[in-house]
N, C-alpha and C. Protein backbone atom coordinates (compact mmCIF):
# COMPACT_ATOMS: atom_id res chain seq x y z
N MET A 1 -28.59 13.68 3.96
CA MET A 1 -29.02 12.43 3.31
C MET A 1 -27.77 12.08 2.54
N LYS A 2 -26.75 11.17 3.60
CA LYS A 2 -25.07 11.35 3.13
C LYS A 2 -25.26 11.17 2.07
N LYS A 3 -24.09 10.59 1.03
CA LYS A 3 -23.77 10.07 0.24
C LYS A 3 -23.66 8.67 0.30
N SER A 4 -23.90 7.58 -0.51
CA SER A 4 -23.62 6.14 -0.36
C SER A 4 -22.57 5.62 -1.98
N ILE A 5 -21.31 5.06 -1.47
CA ILE A 5 -20.74 4.45 -1.80
C ILE A 5 -20.50 2.97 -1.99
N LEU A 6 -20.89 2.64 -3.03
CA LEU A 6 -20.43 1.13 -2.81
C LEU A 6 -18.92 0.62 -3.56
N ILE A 7 -17.99 -0.16 -2.64
CA ILE A 7 -16.91 -0.97 -3.21
C ILE A 7 -17.06 -2.08 -3.81
N ILE A 8 -16.59 -2.87 -5.28
CA ILE A 8 -16.27 -3.97 -5.48
C ILE A 8 -14.94 -4.02 -5.69
N ASP A 9 -14.46 -5.04 -4.78
CA ASP A 9 -12.66 -5.39 -4.53
C ASP A 9 -12.35 -6.26 -3.90
N ASP A 10 -11.95 -7.13 -4.42
CA ASP A 10 -11.10 -8.22 -3.49
C ASP A 10 -10.44 -8.54 -2.61
N ASP A 11 -9.61 -7.07 -3.05
CA ASP A 11 -9.02 -7.17 -1.64
C ASP A 11 -9.08 -6.16 -0.28
N GLN A 12 -9.49 -6.99 0.66
CA GLN A 12 -10.20 -6.97 1.69
C GLN A 12 -9.74 -5.94 2.61
N LYS A 13 -8.00 -5.49 2.87
CA LYS A 13 -7.90 -4.83 3.38
C LYS A 13 -7.72 -3.41 2.41
N PHE A 14 -7.40 -3.50 1.11
CA PHE A 14 -7.71 -1.71 0.15
C PHE A 14 -9.33 -1.63 0.62
N CYS A 15 -10.42 -2.63 0.60
CA CYS A 15 -12.24 -2.10 1.33
C CYS A 15 -12.01 -1.57 2.28
N GLU A 16 -11.20 -2.58 3.42
CA GLU A 16 -11.07 -1.80 4.59
C GLU A 16 -10.50 -0.14 5.32
N GLU A 17 -9.50 0.01 4.64
CA GLU A 17 -9.16 1.52 4.49
C GLU A 17 -10.08 2.39 4.13
N PHE A 18 -10.78 1.79 2.53
CA PHE A 18 -11.42 3.09 2.24
C PHE A 18 -12.65 3.01 2.62
N LYS A 19 -12.83 1.97 3.24
CA LYS A 19 -14.88 1.70 4.24
C LYS A 19 -13.92 3.28 5.46
N GLU A 20 -12.96 2.82 5.91
CA GLU A 20 -12.95 4.08 6.60
C GLU A 20 -12.78 5.29 6.48
N ILE A 21 -11.61 5.57 6.07
CA ILE A 21 -11.68 6.60 4.98
C ILE A 21 -13.09 7.48 4.97
N PHE A 22 -13.76 7.01 3.68
CA PHE A 22 -15.10 7.59 3.07
C PHE A 22 -15.67 7.59 4.23
N GLU A 23 -15.78 6.75 5.47
CA GLU A 23 -16.74 7.38 6.40
C GLU A 23 -16.19 8.38 7.36
N ASP A 24 -15.35 8.54 7.29
CA ASP A 24 -14.42 9.76 7.96
C ASP A 24 -15.23 11.17 7.24
N GLU A 25 -15.37 10.74 6.20
CA GLU A 25 -15.90 11.77 5.32
C GLU A 25 -16.54 12.26 5.32
N GLY A 26 -17.97 11.92 5.72
CA GLY A 26 -19.01 11.13 5.22
C GLY A 26 -19.85 10.20 4.95
N TYR A 27 -19.57 10.25 4.39
CA TYR A 27 -19.99 9.15 3.20
C TYR A 27 -20.26 7.59 4.37
N TYR A 28 -22.00 6.92 3.27
CA TYR A 28 -22.17 5.65 3.81
C TYR A 28 -21.73 4.31 2.56
N VAL A 29 -20.67 3.26 3.29
CA VAL A 29 -19.63 3.09 2.32
C VAL A 29 -20.41 0.91 2.90
N LYS A 30 -20.48 0.65 1.75
CA LYS A 30 -20.90 -0.88 1.67
C LYS A 30 -19.36 -0.76 0.83
N THR A 31 -18.89 -2.62 0.94
CA THR A 31 -18.08 -3.51 1.22
C THR A 31 -18.44 -4.63 0.32
N VAL A 32 -18.06 -5.36 -1.03
CA VAL A 32 -18.30 -6.38 -1.48
C VAL A 32 -16.65 -6.73 -2.23
N HIS A 33 -16.34 -8.10 -2.11
CA HIS A 33 -14.98 -9.02 -2.31
C HIS A 33 -15.81 -9.57 -3.74
N ASN A 34 -17.21 -10.08 -4.40
CA ASN A 34 -16.70 -10.41 -5.64
C ASN A 34 -18.16 -9.68 -7.14
N GLY A 35 -17.91 -9.71 -7.51
CA GLY A 35 -18.64 -9.43 -8.94
C GLY A 35 -20.17 -9.79 -8.39
N PHE A 36 -20.39 -11.25 -8.65
CA PHE A 36 -22.06 -11.65 -8.25
C PHE A 36 -22.71 -11.04 -7.29
N ALA A 37 -21.85 -10.44 -6.18
CA ALA A 37 -22.28 -10.13 -4.56
C ALA A 37 -22.74 -8.53 -4.80
N GLY A 38 -21.76 -8.06 -5.54
CA GLY A 38 -21.93 -6.53 -6.04
C GLY A 38 -23.55 -6.07 -7.18
N LYS A 39 -23.56 -7.33 -7.72
CA LYS A 39 -24.52 -6.76 -8.44
C LYS A 39 -25.58 -7.03 -8.09
N GLU A 40 -25.61 -8.38 -7.23
CA GLU A 40 -26.59 -8.23 -5.65
C GLU A 40 -27.07 -6.95 -5.59
N ILE A 41 -25.80 -6.40 -4.74
CA ILE A 41 -26.47 -5.12 -4.20
C ILE A 41 -26.84 -3.47 -4.53
N LEU A 42 -26.76 -3.70 -6.49
CA LEU A 42 -26.70 -3.15 -7.44
C LEU A 42 -28.25 -2.98 -7.13
N GLU A 43 -28.43 -4.44 -7.54
CA GLU A 43 -30.21 -4.75 -7.70
C GLU A 43 -31.33 -4.15 -7.19
N ASN A 44 -30.42 -3.87 -5.59
CA ASN A 44 -31.80 -3.70 -4.33
C ASN A 44 -31.13 -2.23 -3.79
N GLU A 45 -30.13 -2.09 -4.18
CA GLU A 45 -29.80 -0.56 -3.46
C GLU A 45 -29.21 0.37 -3.98
N ILE A 46 -29.56 1.26 -4.04
CA ILE A 46 -28.98 2.65 -4.72
C ILE A 46 -27.83 3.24 -3.97
N PHE A 47 -26.90 3.38 -4.99
CA PHE A 47 -25.68 3.95 -4.99
C PHE A 47 -25.20 5.38 -5.45
N ASP A 48 -24.89 6.07 -4.61
CA ASP A 48 -23.89 7.95 -5.35
C ASP A 48 -22.91 6.97 -6.39
N ILE A 49 -21.84 6.64 -5.48
CA ILE A 49 -20.76 6.11 -6.18
C ILE A 49 -20.84 4.60 -6.81
N LEU A 50 -19.57 4.05 -7.73
CA LEU A 50 -19.84 2.44 -7.88
C LEU A 50 -17.93 2.61 -7.95
N LEU A 51 -17.07 2.10 -6.30
CA LEU A 51 -15.33 2.27 -7.08
C LEU A 51 -15.58 0.84 -7.68
N LEU A 52 -15.06 0.68 -8.49
CA LEU A 52 -14.35 -0.69 -8.88
C LEU A 52 -13.33 -1.03 -9.00
N ASP A 53 -13.15 -2.57 -9.04
CA ASP A 53 -11.72 -3.09 -9.00
C ASP A 53 -12.27 -3.86 -10.80
N ILE A 54 -11.15 -4.08 -11.64
CA ILE A 54 -11.51 -4.41 -12.96
C ILE A 54 -11.28 -5.96 -12.31
N LYS A 55 -10.26 -6.39 -11.72
CA LYS A 55 -9.99 -7.98 -11.60
C LYS A 55 -10.85 -9.18 -10.39
N ILE A 56 -11.92 -9.33 -10.50
CA ILE A 56 -12.57 -9.17 -9.36
C ILE A 56 -13.49 -10.57 -9.16
N PRO A 57 -13.78 -11.43 -7.90
CA PRO A 57 -13.94 -12.74 -8.75
C PRO A 57 -15.04 -13.00 -8.80
N GLY A 58 -16.13 -13.95 -9.61
CA GLY A 58 -16.85 -14.53 -10.03
C GLY A 58 -17.43 -13.00 -11.58
N LEU A 59 -18.20 -12.68 -11.24
CA LEU A 59 -18.29 -11.41 -12.35
C LEU A 59 -16.85 -10.27 -12.07
N ASN A 60 -16.41 -10.19 -13.76
CA ASN A 60 -15.55 -9.29 -13.00
C ASN A 60 -15.70 -7.88 -13.45
N GLY A 61 -14.84 -6.73 -13.32
CA GLY A 61 -15.27 -5.31 -13.47
C GLY A 61 -15.67 -5.37 -15.14
N PHE A 62 -15.33 -5.11 -15.99
CA PHE A 62 -15.80 -4.85 -17.37
C PHE A 62 -17.50 -6.28 -17.27
N GLU A 63 -17.34 -6.87 -16.50
CA GLU A 63 -18.96 -8.07 -16.74
C GLU A 63 -19.88 -6.63 -16.36
N ILE A 64 -19.33 -6.58 -15.06
CA ILE A 64 -20.59 -5.49 -14.32
C ILE A 64 -20.64 -4.04 -14.74
N LEU A 65 -19.66 -3.40 -15.64
CA LEU A 65 -19.49 -2.51 -15.92
C LEU A 65 -20.72 -3.25 -17.74
N GLU A 66 -20.72 -4.22 -17.74
CA GLU A 66 -21.20 -4.49 -19.05
C GLU A 66 -23.31 -4.20 -19.20
N TRP A 67 -22.94 -5.12 -17.95
CA TRP A 67 -24.70 -5.13 -16.62
C TRP A 67 -25.04 -3.32 -16.94
N LEU A 68 -24.60 -3.22 -16.21
CA LEU A 68 -24.54 -1.88 -15.92
C LEU A 68 -24.93 -0.85 -17.36
N LYS A 69 -24.49 -1.24 -18.26
CA LYS A 69 -24.60 -0.34 -18.87
C LYS A 69 -25.85 -0.91 -19.97
N GLN A 70 -26.17 -1.87 -20.04
CA GLN A 70 -27.06 -2.80 -20.37
C GLN A 70 -28.65 -2.02 -19.40
N ASN A 71 -27.85 -2.32 -18.93
CA ASN A 71 -29.32 -2.18 -17.73
C ASN A 71 -29.50 -0.41 -17.97
N ASN A 72 -29.04 0.71 -18.24
CA ASN A 72 -29.08 1.99 -18.54
C ASN A 72 -29.18 2.56 -16.28
N TYR A 73 -28.16 1.61 -16.03
CA TYR A 73 -28.01 2.19 -14.53
C TYR A 73 -27.78 3.30 -14.32
N ARG A 74 -27.92 4.22 -13.60
CA ARG A 74 -27.11 5.64 -12.93
C ARG A 74 -26.57 5.29 -12.30
N ILE A 75 -25.00 5.59 -12.13
CA ILE A 75 -24.85 5.79 -11.24
C ILE A 75 -23.42 5.82 -11.86
N LYS A 76 -22.63 6.97 -10.80
CA LYS A 76 -21.40 7.76 -10.67
C LYS A 76 -19.79 6.51 -10.64
N ILE A 77 -19.40 6.01 -11.57
CA ILE A 77 -18.40 4.85 -11.62
C ILE A 77 -16.75 5.16 -11.61
N MET A 78 -15.77 4.75 -10.67
CA MET A 78 -15.12 5.04 -10.53
C MET A 78 -14.51 3.21 -11.11
N VAL A 79 -13.04 3.62 -12.25
CA VAL A 79 -12.76 1.91 -12.28
C VAL A 79 -11.54 2.33 -11.14
N LEU A 80 -11.20 1.49 -10.15
CA LEU A 80 -9.28 1.31 -9.79
C LEU A 80 -9.17 0.10 -10.66
N THR A 81 -7.60 -0.13 -10.93
CA THR A 81 -7.41 -1.19 -11.91
C THR A 81 -5.76 -1.20 -11.12
N GLY A 82 -5.11 -1.82 -11.10
CA GLY A 82 -3.70 -2.55 -11.27
C GLY A 82 -3.19 -2.42 -12.13
N ARG A 83 -3.52 -2.15 -12.83
CA ARG A 83 -3.74 -2.51 -14.73
C ARG A 83 -3.14 -1.16 -15.38
N PRO A 84 -1.79 -1.65 -16.28
CA PRO A 84 -1.74 -0.56 -16.82
C PRO A 84 -2.19 0.56 -17.62
N ILE A 85 -2.35 2.15 -17.23
CA ILE A 85 -3.34 2.92 -18.18
C ILE A 85 -1.76 3.48 -18.69
N ASP A 86 -2.21 3.41 -19.54
CA ASP A 86 -1.86 4.94 -20.45
C ASP A 86 -2.44 6.88 -20.17
N ARG A 87 -1.09 8.30 -20.40
CA ARG A 87 -0.95 8.80 -20.00
C ARG A 87 -2.53 9.72 -20.36
N SER A 88 -2.89 9.28 -21.46
CA SER A 88 -4.84 9.85 -21.59
C SER A 88 -5.06 9.36 -20.62
N GLY A 89 -5.19 7.80 -19.55
CA GLY A 89 -6.07 7.39 -18.79
C GLY A 89 -6.73 6.95 -18.98
N TYR A 90 -6.83 5.99 -19.94
CA TYR A 90 -7.02 4.47 -20.21
C TYR A 90 -6.25 3.19 -20.56
N LEU A 91 -6.53 2.14 -19.59
CA LEU A 91 -6.27 0.97 -20.16
C LEU A 91 -5.64 0.63 -21.32
N LYS A 92 -4.67 -0.09 -21.87
CA LYS A 92 -5.43 -0.45 -23.07
C LYS A 92 -5.45 -2.18 -23.38
N ASN A 93 -6.24 -1.86 -23.59
CA ASN A 93 -7.46 -3.12 -23.72
C ASN A 93 -7.73 -3.78 -25.68
N THR A 94 -8.92 -4.75 -25.09
CA THR A 94 -9.73 -4.74 -26.50
C THR A 94 -10.00 -3.47 -26.84
N ASN A 95 -11.02 -3.29 -28.05
CA ASN A 95 -12.05 -2.67 -28.12
C ASN A 95 -13.17 -2.60 -27.11
N ASN A 96 -13.32 -3.94 -27.01
CA ASN A 96 -14.79 -4.22 -26.94
C ASN A 96 -14.66 -3.67 -24.98
N GLU A 97 -12.82 -3.37 -24.65
CA GLU A 97 -13.39 -3.26 -23.18
C GLU A 97 -12.79 -1.77 -22.81
N GLU A 98 -12.39 -1.29 -24.05
CA GLU A 98 -12.38 0.41 -24.26
C GLU A 98 -13.36 0.93 -24.12
N ASP A 99 -14.48 -0.24 -24.52
CA ASP A 99 -16.00 0.56 -25.34
C ASP A 99 -16.66 0.69 -23.69
N LEU A 100 -16.44 -0.54 -22.48
CA LEU A 100 -16.93 -0.71 -21.36
C LEU A 100 -16.40 0.24 -20.31
N LEU A 101 -15.68 0.59 -21.24
CA LEU A 101 -14.59 1.47 -19.81
C LEU A 101 -14.93 2.97 -19.43
N SER A 102 -15.21 3.08 -21.56
CA SER A 102 -16.36 4.35 -21.65
C SER A 102 -16.97 5.10 -20.79
N TYR A 103 -17.67 3.84 -20.62
CA TYR A 103 -18.95 3.99 -19.43
C TYR A 103 -18.74 4.39 -18.66
N ALA A 104 -17.59 4.02 -17.75
CA ALA A 104 -17.03 4.97 -16.95
C ALA A 104 -16.91 6.00 -15.91
N ASP A 105 -16.68 6.79 -15.29
CA ASP A 105 -16.29 8.28 -14.95
C ASP A 105 -15.33 8.45 -14.79
N LYS A 106 -14.52 8.04 -14.35
CA LYS A 106 -12.91 7.83 -14.90
C LYS A 106 -12.39 6.69 -14.09
N VAL A 107 -11.30 6.47 -14.49
CA VAL A 107 -10.46 4.99 -14.40
C VAL A 107 -8.98 5.54 -13.62
N MET A 108 -8.69 5.21 -12.99
CA MET A 108 -7.70 5.63 -12.26
C MET A 108 -6.56 4.23 -11.93
N ASN A 109 -5.05 3.95 -11.48
CA ASN A 109 -4.38 3.46 -11.35
C ASN A 109 -4.77 3.13 -9.61
N LYS A 110 -4.89 2.22 -9.40
CA LYS A 110 -4.58 1.67 -7.72
C LYS A 110 -4.25 1.87 -7.08
N LEU A 111 -2.58 2.30 -7.14
CA LEU A 111 -1.59 2.87 -6.55
C LEU A 111 -1.60 4.14 -6.51
N SER A 112 -2.84 5.19 -6.67
CA SER A 112 -2.07 6.25 -6.89
C SER A 112 -2.31 6.80 -5.41
N HIS A 113 -2.08 8.18 -5.07
CA HIS A 113 -2.01 8.31 -3.92
C HIS A 113 -3.24 8.46 -3.28
N ILE A 114 -3.61 8.11 -2.51
CA ILE A 114 -5.24 8.13 -1.20
C ILE A 114 -6.08 9.96 -1.76
N GLU A 115 -5.13 10.57 -1.18
CA GLU A 115 -5.63 11.86 -2.16
C GLU A 115 -6.31 12.63 -2.86
N THR A 116 -5.50 11.69 -3.93
CA THR A 116 -5.94 11.80 -5.44
C THR A 116 -6.89 10.84 -5.71
N ILE A 117 -7.22 9.44 -5.07
CA ILE A 117 -8.30 9.33 -5.16
C ILE A 117 -9.59 9.14 -4.25
N ILE A 118 -9.38 9.89 -3.17
CA ILE A 118 -10.35 10.90 -2.76
C ILE A 118 -10.88 11.70 -3.29
N ALA A 119 -9.76 12.81 -3.90
CA ALA A 119 -10.26 13.75 -4.55
C ALA A 119 -11.02 13.78 -5.99
N GLY A 120 -10.82 12.19 -6.36
CA GLY A 120 -11.89 11.72 -7.06
C GLY A 120 -13.38 11.18 -7.22
N ILE A 121 -13.07 10.48 -6.17
CA ILE A 121 -14.37 10.56 -5.64
C ILE A 121 -15.31 11.94 -5.53
N GLN A 122 -14.48 12.70 -4.50
CA GLN A 122 -15.55 13.80 -4.59
C GLN A 122 -15.56 14.90 -5.92
N ASN A 123 -15.11 14.63 -6.79
CA ASN A 123 -15.27 15.90 -7.63
C ASN A 123 -16.30 15.06 -8.22
N LEU A 124 -16.61 13.42 -8.10
CA LEU A 124 -17.81 13.02 -9.13
C LEU A 124 -18.92 12.90 -8.00
N ILE A 125 -18.88 13.32 -7.10
CA ILE A 125 -20.20 12.94 -6.47
C ILE A 125 -20.73 14.38 -5.80
N GLN A 126 -20.01 15.51 -6.43
CA GLN A 126 -20.68 16.95 -6.79
C GLN A 126 -21.51 17.11 -7.75
């Protein structure tokens, strides 16, 4: 059975590129461009990996993380963000945001090399 990835990101070009890359790697991929649509899909389908942007319309990435945490949703989560990340891999945020980010399995900068992001996904899925 194919491993599955849900990408929630408002950058349609980013979603299209990553969808193509991961489908070429053998994954089933679905993309949405706002938090409300992402939450609805997560309520109705099961995915192995969630690739989540923080700054998205509707429910933002932090609100999605909070909802997943409150509902004990079991999914591997990689947060991709354009926001600055310190050397230890953490965003500089409020305590509440840091607590929510700790629910993610991996946090990466969206500007990371594509090979690094693919390797991060493959590490999470194994």
